[in-house]
Amino acid sequence: MTATAPARAPKPLYSNVSPAVPSPCTGVCRLDEHKVCLGCFRHVEDIREWRSADDERRRVIVVQAANRRATSL
């Protein structure tokens, strides 16, 4: 008889989709020279972080992206 490994608690990984904070992704995924997406205006690090970010952090990312969009026009 073999012993089974104890069950691990699942890692807290948030979904890429949140009903509270929708992704700003527009499907235009091209980075400029500052590593900012020309579609959603998120920095590449914000895009990477999005999947594991909670809703509060996602709201901050969305505001920062909106500010980048406003200053680019």
PDB file of N, CA and C in Angstrom:
ATOM      1  N   MET A   1       0.833  -1.174   0.000  1.00  0.00           N
ATOM      2  CA  MET A   1       0.000   0.000   0.000  1.00  0.00           C
ATOM      3  C   MET A   1       0.884   1.245   0.000  1.00  0.00           C
ATOM      4  N   THR A   2       0.577   2.214  -0.853  1.00  0.00           N
ATOM      5  CA  THR A   2       1.380   3.429  -0.931  1.00  0.00           C
ATOM      6  C   THR A   2       0.608   4.592  -0.324  1.00  0.00           C
ATOM      7  N   ALA A   3       1.349   5.474   0.308  1.00  0.00           N
ATOM      8  CA  ALA A   3       0.734   6.662   0.907  1.00  0.00           C
ATOM      9  C   ALA A   3       0.588   7.738  -0.162  1.00  0.00           C
ATOM     10  N   THR A   4      -0.492   8.451  -0.129  1.00  0.00           N
ATOM     11  CA  THR A   4      -0.680   9.552  -1.080  1.00  0.00           C
ATOM     12  C   THR A   4      -0.202  10.850  -0.448  1.00  0.00           C
ATOM     13  N   ALA A   5       0.231  11.724  -1.298  1.00  0.00           N
ATOM     14  CA  ALA A   5       0.701  13.024  -0.820  1.00  0.00           C
ATOM     15  C   ALA A   5      -0.492  13.819  -0.289  1.00  0.00           C
ATOM     16  N   PRO A   6      -0.266  14.601   0.764  1.00  0.00           N
ATOM     17  CA  PRO A   6      -1.368  15.423   1.279  1.00  0.00           C
ATOM     18  C   PRO A   6      -1.803  16.451   0.234  1.00  0.00           C
ATOM     19  N   ALA A   7      -3.072  16.733   0.219  1.00  0.00           N
ATOM     20  CA  ALA A   7      -3.609  17.694  -0.751  1.00  0.00           C
ATOM     21  C   ALA A   7      -3.122  19.100  -0.402  1.00  0.00           C
ATOM     22  N   ARG A   8      -2.721  19.831  -1.428  1.00  0.00           N
ATOM     23  CA  ARG A   8      -2.281  21.211  -1.234  1.00  0.00           C
ATOM     24  C   ARG A   8      -3.464  22.147  -1.458  1.00  0.00           C
ATOM     25  N   ALA A   9      -3.446  23.225  -0.728  1.00  0.00           N
ATOM     26  CA  ALA A   9      -4.448  24.256  -0.965  1.00  0.00           C
ATOM     27  C   ALA A   9      -4.143  24.905  -2.304  1.00  0.00           C
ATOM     28  N   PRO A  10      -5.157  25.221  -3.096  1.00  0.00           N
ATOM     29  CA  PRO A  10      -4.883  25.848  -4.395  1.00  0.00           C
ATOM     30  C   PRO A  10      -4.262  27.227  -4.237  1.00  0.00           C
ATOM     31  N   LYS A  11      -3.406  27.567  -5.187  1.00  0.00           N
ATOM     32  CA  LYS A  11      -2.796  28.897  -5.186  1.00  0.00           C
ATOM     33  C   LYS A  11      -3.876  29.940  -5.452  1.00  0.00           C
ATOM     34  N   PRO A  12      -3.777  31.098  -4.826  1.00  0.00           N
ATOM     35  CA  PRO A  12      -4.757  32.149  -5.126  1.00  0.00           C
ATOM     36  C   PRO A  12      -4.434  32.783  -6.476  1.00  0.00           C
ATOM     37  N   LEU A  13      -5.090  32.311  -7.512  1.00  0.00           N
ATOM     38  CA  LEU A  13      -4.871  32.834  -8.847  1.00  0.00           C
ATOM     39  C   LEU A  13      -6.186  33.384  -9.351  1.00  0.00           C
ATOM     40  N   TYR A  14      -6.191  34.632  -9.659  1.00  0.00           N
ATOM     41  CA  TYR A  14      -7.414  35.276 -10.115  1.00  0.00           C
ATOM     42  C   TYR A  14      -7.621  34.985 -11.593  1.00  0.00           C
ATOM     43  N   SER A  15      -8.827  35.055 -12.014  1.00  0.00           N
ATOM     44  CA  SER A  15      -9.161  34.833 -13.410  1.00  0.00           C
ATOM     45  C   SER A  15      -8.723  36.026 -14.241  1.00  0.00           C
ATOM     46  N   ASN A  16      -8.505  35.773 -15.508  1.00  0.00           N
ATOM     47  CA  ASN A  16      -8.193  36.850 -16.433  1.00  0.00           C
ATOM     48  C   ASN A  16      -9.429  37.719 -16.672  1.00  0.00           C
ATOM     49  N   VAL A  17     -10.599  37.180 -16.360  1.00  0.00           N
ATOM     50  CA  VAL A  17     -11.851  37.886 -16.578  1.00  0.00           C
ATOM     51  C   VAL A  17     -12.462  38.234 -15.229  1.00  0.00           C
ATOM     52  N   SER A  18     -12.828  39.482 -15.058  1.00  0.00           N
ATOM     53  CA  SER A  18     -13.456  39.935 -13.829  1.00  0.00           C
ATOM     54  C   SER A  18     -14.720  40.710 -14.193  1.00  0.00           C
ATOM     55  N   PRO A  19     -15.861  40.318 -13.625  1.00  0.00           N
ATOM     56  CA  PRO A  19     -17.068  41.089 -13.911  1.00  0.00           C
ATOM     57  C   PRO A  19     -16.985  42.515 -13.357  1.00  0.00           C
ATOM     58  N   ALA A  20     -16.177  42.717 -12.332  1.00  0.00           N
ATOM     59  CA  ALA A  20     -16.054  44.040 -11.716  1.00  0.00           C
ATOM     60  C   ALA A  20     -15.139  44.970 -12.515  1.00  0.00           C
ATOM     61  N   VAL A  21     -14.086  44.427 -13.105  1.00  0.00           N
ATOM     62  CA  VAL A  21     -13.116  45.245 -13.849  1.00  0.00           C
ATOM     63  C   VAL A  21     -12.807  44.547 -15.172  1.00  0.00           C
ATOM     64  N   PRO A  22     -13.501  44.924 -16.227  1.00  0.00           N
ATOM     65  CA  PRO A  22     -13.229  44.280 -17.520  1.00  0.00           C
ATOM     66  C   PRO A  22     -11.854  44.666 -18.059  1.00  0.00           C
ATOM     67  N   SER A  23     -11.265  43.754 -18.793  1.00  0.00           N
ATOM     68  CA  SER A  23      -9.964  44.016 -19.397  1.00  0.00           C
ATOM     69  C   SER A  23     -10.064  45.133 -20.425  1.00  0.00           C
ATOM     70  N   PRO A  24      -9.086  46.036 -20.439  1.00  0.00           N
ATOM     71  CA  PRO A  24      -9.087  47.105 -21.438  1.00  0.00           C
ATOM     72  C   PRO A  24      -8.542  46.652 -22.793  1.00  0.00           C
ATOM     73  N   CYS A  25      -8.192  45.379 -22.912  1.00  0.00           N
ATOM     74  CA  CYS A  25      -7.604  44.867 -24.154  1.00  0.00           C
ATOM     75  C   CYS A  25      -8.550  45.105 -25.328  1.00  0.00           C
ATOM     76  N   THR A  26      -7.978  45.614 -26.426  1.00  0.00           N
ATOM     77  CA  THR A  26      -8.762  45.874 -27.634  1.00  0.00           C
ATOM     78  C   THR A  26      -8.407  44.904 -28.753  1.00  0.00           C
ATOM     79  N   GLY A  27      -7.460  44.015 -28.489  1.00  0.00           N
ATOM     80  CA  GLY A  27      -7.036  43.064 -29.508  1.00  0.00           C
ATOM     81  C   GLY A  27      -5.970  43.613 -30.446  1.00  0.00           C
ATOM     82  N   VAL A  28      -5.562  44.846 -30.247  1.00  0.00           N
ATOM     83  CA  VAL A  28      -4.469  45.447 -31.017  1.00  0.00           C
ATOM     84  C   VAL A  28      -3.230  45.362 -30.139  1.00  0.00           C
ATOM     85  N   CYS A  29      -2.488  44.312 -30.306  1.00  0.00           N
ATOM     86  CA  CYS A  29      -1.373  44.042 -29.390  1.00  0.00           C
ATOM     87  C   CYS A  29      -0.036  44.375 -30.064  1.00  0.00           C
ATOM     88  N   ARG A  30       0.326  45.648 -29.985  1.00  0.00           N
ATOM     89  CA  ARG A  30       1.612  46.125 -30.506  1.00  0.00           C
ATOM     90  C   ARG A  30       2.199  47.057 -29.478  1.00  0.00           C
ATOM     91  N   LEU A  31       3.469  46.859 -29.170  1.00  0.00           N
ATOM     92  CA  LEU A  31       4.144  47.694 -28.186  1.00  0.00           C
ATOM     93  C   LEU A  31       4.918  48.807 -28.863  1.00  0.00           C
ATOM     94  N   ASP A  32       4.900  49.982 -28.229  1.00  0.00           N
ATOM     95  CA  ASP A  32       5.718  51.089 -28.734  1.00  0.00           C
ATOM     96  C   ASP A  32       7.118  50.993 -28.136  1.00  0.00           C
ATOM     97  N   GLU A  33       7.934  52.007 -28.360  1.00  0.00           N
ATOM     98  CA  GLU A  33       9.323  51.988 -27.877  1.00  0.00           C
ATOM     99  C   GLU A  33       9.428  52.041 -26.355  1.00  0.00           C
ATOM    100  N   HIS A  34       8.335  52.403 -25.677  1.00  0.00           N
ATOM    101  CA  HIS A  34       8.325  52.450 -24.209  1.00  0.00           C
ATOM    102  C   HIS A  34       7.675  51.218 -23.602  1.00  0.00           C
ATOM    103  N   LYS A  35       7.404  50.211 -24.435  1.00  0.00           N
ATOM    104  CA  LYS A  35       6.763  48.961 -24.032  1.00  0.00           C
ATOM    105  C   LYS A  35       5.333  49.177 -23.544  1.00  0.00           C
ATOM    106  N   VAL A  36       4.642  50.110 -24.193  1.00  0.00           N
ATOM    107  CA  VAL A  36       3.229  50.379 -23.917  1.00  0.00           C
ATOM    108  C   VAL A  36       2.433  49.892 -25.119  1.00  0.00           C
ATOM    109  N   CYS A  37       1.364  49.152 -24.857  1.00  0.00           N
ATOM    110  CA  CYS A  37       0.522  48.620 -25.927  1.00  0.00           C
ATOM    111  C   CYS A  37      -0.220  49.759 -26.623  1.00  0.00           C
ATOM    112  N   LEU A  38      -0.199  49.749 -27.954  1.00  0.00           N
ATOM    113  CA  LEU A  38      -0.869  50.779 -28.730  1.00  0.00           C
ATOM    114  C   LEU A  38      -2.380  50.571 -28.800  1.00  0.00           C
ATOM    115  N   GLY A  39      -2.855  49.440 -28.321  1.00  0.00           N
ATOM    116  CA  GLY A  39      -4.285  49.173 -28.309  1.00  0.00           C
ATOM    117  C   GLY A  39      -4.947  49.570 -27.000  1.00  0.00           C
ATOM    118  N   CYS A  40      -4.389  49.096 -25.893  1.00  0.00           N
ATOM    119  CA  CYS A  40      -5.017  49.337 -24.583  1.00  0.00           C
ATOM    120  C   CYS A  40      -4.248  50.327 -23.714  1.00  0.00           C
ATOM    121  N   PHE A  41      -3.058  50.685 -24.129  1.00  0.00           N
ATOM    122  CA  PHE A  41      -2.200  51.644 -23.422  1.00  0.00           C
ATOM    123  C   PHE A  41      -1.722  51.154 -22.055  1.00  0.00           C
ATOM    124  N   ARG A  42      -1.732  49.830 -21.859  1.00  0.00           N
ATOM    125  CA  ARG A  42      -1.120  49.276 -20.651  1.00  0.00           C
ATOM    126  C   ARG A  42       0.346  49.020 -20.933  1.00  0.00           C
ATOM    127  N   HIS A  43       1.178  49.204 -19.915  1.00  0.00           N
ATOM    128  CA  HIS A  43       2.594  48.860 -20.010  1.00  0.00           C
ATOM    129  C   HIS A  43       2.692  47.343 -20.031  1.00  0.00           C
ATOM    130  N   VAL A  44       3.718  46.822 -20.664  1.00  0.00           N
ATOM    131  CA  VAL A  44       3.876  45.373 -20.774  1.00  0.00           C
ATOM    132  C   VAL A  44       3.863  44.695 -19.396  1.00  0.00           C
ATOM    133  N   GLU A  45       4.417  45.335 -18.387  1.00  0.00           N
ATOM    134  CA  GLU A  45       4.402  44.748 -17.045  1.00  0.00           C
ATOM    135  C   GLU A  45       2.984  44.695 -16.472  1.00  0.00           C
ATOM    136  N   ASP A  46       2.159  45.693 -16.794  1.00  0.00           N
ATOM    137  CA  ASP A  46       0.764  45.675 -16.347  1.00  0.00           C
ATOM    138  C   ASP A  46      -0.009  44.554 -17.036  1.00  0.00           C
ATOM    139  N   ILE A  47       0.284  44.329 -18.301  1.00  0.00           N
ATOM    140  CA  ILE A  47      -0.367  43.247 -19.043  1.00  0.00           C
ATOM    141  C   ILE A  47      -0.013  41.909 -18.419  1.00  0.00           C
ATOM    142  N   ARG A  48       1.253  41.731 -18.094  1.00  0.00           N
ATOM    143  CA  ARG A  48       1.691  40.478 -17.452  1.00  0.00           C
ATOM    144  C   ARG A  48       1.043  40.293 -16.085  1.00  0.00           C
ATOM    145  N   GLU A  49       0.897  41.366 -15.354  1.00  0.00           N
ATOM    146  CA  GLU A  49       0.358  41.313 -13.995  1.00  0.00           C
ATOM    147  C   GLU A  49      -1.156  41.098 -13.971  1.00  0.00           C
ATOM    148  N   TRP A  50      -1.834  41.463 -15.040  1.00  0.00           N
ATOM    149  CA  TRP A  50      -3.297  41.490 -15.066  1.00  0.00           C
ATOM    150  C   TRP A  50      -3.916  40.185 -14.564  1.00  0.00           C
ATOM    151  N   ARG A  51      -3.423  39.073 -15.008  1.00  0.00           N
ATOM    152  CA  ARG A  51      -4.020  37.771 -14.670  1.00  0.00           C
ATOM    153  C   ARG A  51      -4.035  37.506 -13.167  1.00  0.00           C
ATOM    154  N   SER A  52      -3.013  37.925 -12.467  1.00  0.00           N
ATOM    155  CA  SER A  52      -2.935  37.646 -11.035  1.00  0.00           C
ATOM    156  C   SER A  52      -3.351  38.833 -10.162  1.00  0.00           C
ATOM    157  N   ALA A  53      -3.681  39.956 -10.795  1.00  0.00           N
ATOM    158  CA  ALA A  53      -4.046  41.158 -10.036  1.00  0.00           C
ATOM    159  C   ALA A  53      -5.468  41.046  -9.485  1.00  0.00           C
ATOM    160  N   ASP A  54      -5.671  41.600  -8.298  1.00  0.00           N
ATOM    161  CA  ASP A  54      -7.031  41.653  -7.762  1.00  0.00           C
ATOM    162  C   ASP A  54      -7.745  42.859  -8.376  1.00  0.00           C
ATOM    163  N   ASP A  55      -9.037  42.992  -8.096  1.00  0.00           N
ATOM    164  CA  ASP A  55      -9.828  44.054  -8.726  1.00  0.00           C
ATOM    165  C   ASP A  55      -9.312  45.449  -8.394  1.00  0.00           C
ATOM    166  N   GLU A  56      -8.838  45.654  -7.187  1.00  0.00           N
ATOM    167  CA  GLU A  56      -8.311  46.975  -6.811  1.00  0.00           C
ATOM    168  C   GLU A  56      -7.101  47.340  -7.667  1.00  0.00           C
ATOM    169  N   ARG A  57      -6.184  46.409  -7.842  1.00  0.00           N
ATOM    170  CA  ARG A  57      -4.995  46.658  -8.660  1.00  0.00           C
ATOM    171  C   ARG A  57      -5.389  46.852 -10.128  1.00  0.00           C
ATOM    172  N   ARG A  58      -6.373  46.075 -10.594  1.00  0.00           N
ATOM    173  CA  ARG A  58      -6.825  46.217 -11.974  1.00  0.00           C
ATOM    174  C   ARG A  58      -7.402  47.610 -12.216  1.00  0.00           C
ATOM    175  N   ARG A  59      -8.105  48.144 -11.240  1.00  0.00           N
ATOM    176  CA  ARG A  59      -8.648  49.501 -11.380  1.00  0.00           C
ATOM    177  C   ARG A  59      -7.527  50.526 -11.538  1.00  0.00           C
ATOM    178  N   VAL A  60      -6.453  50.342 -10.789  1.00  0.00           N
ATOM    179  CA  VAL A  60      -5.297  51.238 -10.887  1.00  0.00           C
ATOM    180  C   VAL A  60      -4.683  51.129 -12.291  1.00  0.00           C
ATOM    181  N   ILE A  61      -4.531  49.917 -12.780  1.00  0.00           N
ATOM    182  CA  ILE A  61      -3.958  49.701 -14.109  1.00  0.00           C
ATOM    183  C   ILE A  61      -4.825  50.367 -15.176  1.00  0.00           C
ATOM    184  N   VAL A  62      -6.143  50.229 -15.065  1.00  0.00           N
ATOM    185  CA  VAL A  62      -7.060  50.827 -16.041  1.00  0.00           C
ATOM    186  C   VAL A  62      -6.955  52.355 -16.030  1.00  0.00           C
ATOM    187  N   VAL A  63      -6.861  52.951 -14.848  1.00  0.00           N
ATOM    188  CA  VAL A  63      -6.730  54.407 -14.739  1.00  0.00           C
ATOM    189  C   VAL A  63      -5.408  54.865 -15.355  1.00  0.00           C
ATOM    190  N   GLN A  64      -4.334  54.163 -15.060  1.00  0.00           N
ATOM    191  CA  GLN A  64      -3.035  54.523 -15.628  1.00  0.00           C
ATOM    192  C   GLN A  64      -3.055  54.416 -17.151  1.00  0.00           C
ATOM    193  N   ALA A  65      -3.702  53.371 -17.669  1.00  0.00           N
ATOM    194  CA  ALA A  65      -3.799  53.200 -19.119  1.00  0.00           C
ATOM    195  C   ALA A  65      -4.624  54.335 -19.733  1.00  0.00           C
ATOM    196  N   ALA A  66      -5.715  54.721 -19.084  1.00  0.00           N
ATOM    197  CA  ALA A  66      -6.552  55.826 -19.584  1.00  0.00           C
ATOM    198  C   ALA A  66      -5.759  57.132 -19.600  1.00  0.00           C
ATOM    199  N   ASN A  67      -4.939  57.341 -18.583  1.00  0.00           N
ATOM    200  CA  ASN A  67      -4.101  58.551 -18.542  1.00  0.00           C
ATOM    201  C   ASN A  67      -3.088  58.545 -19.685  1.00  0.00           C
ATOM    202  N   ARG A  68      -2.499  57.373 -19.963  1.00  0.00           N
ATOM    203  CA  ARG A  68      -1.542  57.279 -21.079  1.00  0.00           C
ATOM    204  C   ARG A  68      -2.252  57.566 -22.407  1.00  0.00           C
ATOM    205  N   ARG A  69      -3.460  57.011 -22.550  1.00  0.00           N
ATOM    206  CA  ARG A  69      -4.223  57.229 -23.779  1.00  0.00           C
ATOM    207  C   ARG A  69      -4.519  58.723 -23.958  1.00  0.00           C
ATOM    208  N   ALA A  70      -4.950  59.382 -22.886  1.00  0.00           N
ATOM    209  CA  ALA A  70      -5.302  60.807 -22.954  1.00  0.00           C
ATOM    210  C   ALA A  70      -4.098  61.676 -23.314  1.00  0.00           C
ATOM    211  N   THR A  71      -2.939  61.356 -22.798  1.00  0.00           N
ATOM    212  CA  THR A  71      -1.754  62.168 -23.073  1.00  0.00           C
ATOM    213  C   THR A  71      -1.136  61.849 -24.441  1.00  0.00           C
ATOM    214  N   SER A  72      -1.529  60.729 -25.033  1.00  0.00           N
ATOM    215  CA  SER A  72      -0.971  60.370 -26.344  1.00  0.00           C
ATOM    216  C   SER A  72      -1.731  60.993 -27.496  1.00  0.00           C
ATOM    217  N   LEU A  73      -2.930  61.468 -27.237  1.00  0.00           N
ATOM    218  CA  LEU A  73      -3.763  62.026 -28.323  1.00  0.00           C
ATOM    219  C   LEU A  73      -3.479  63.475 -28.595  1.00  0.00           C
TER     220      LEU A  73
END
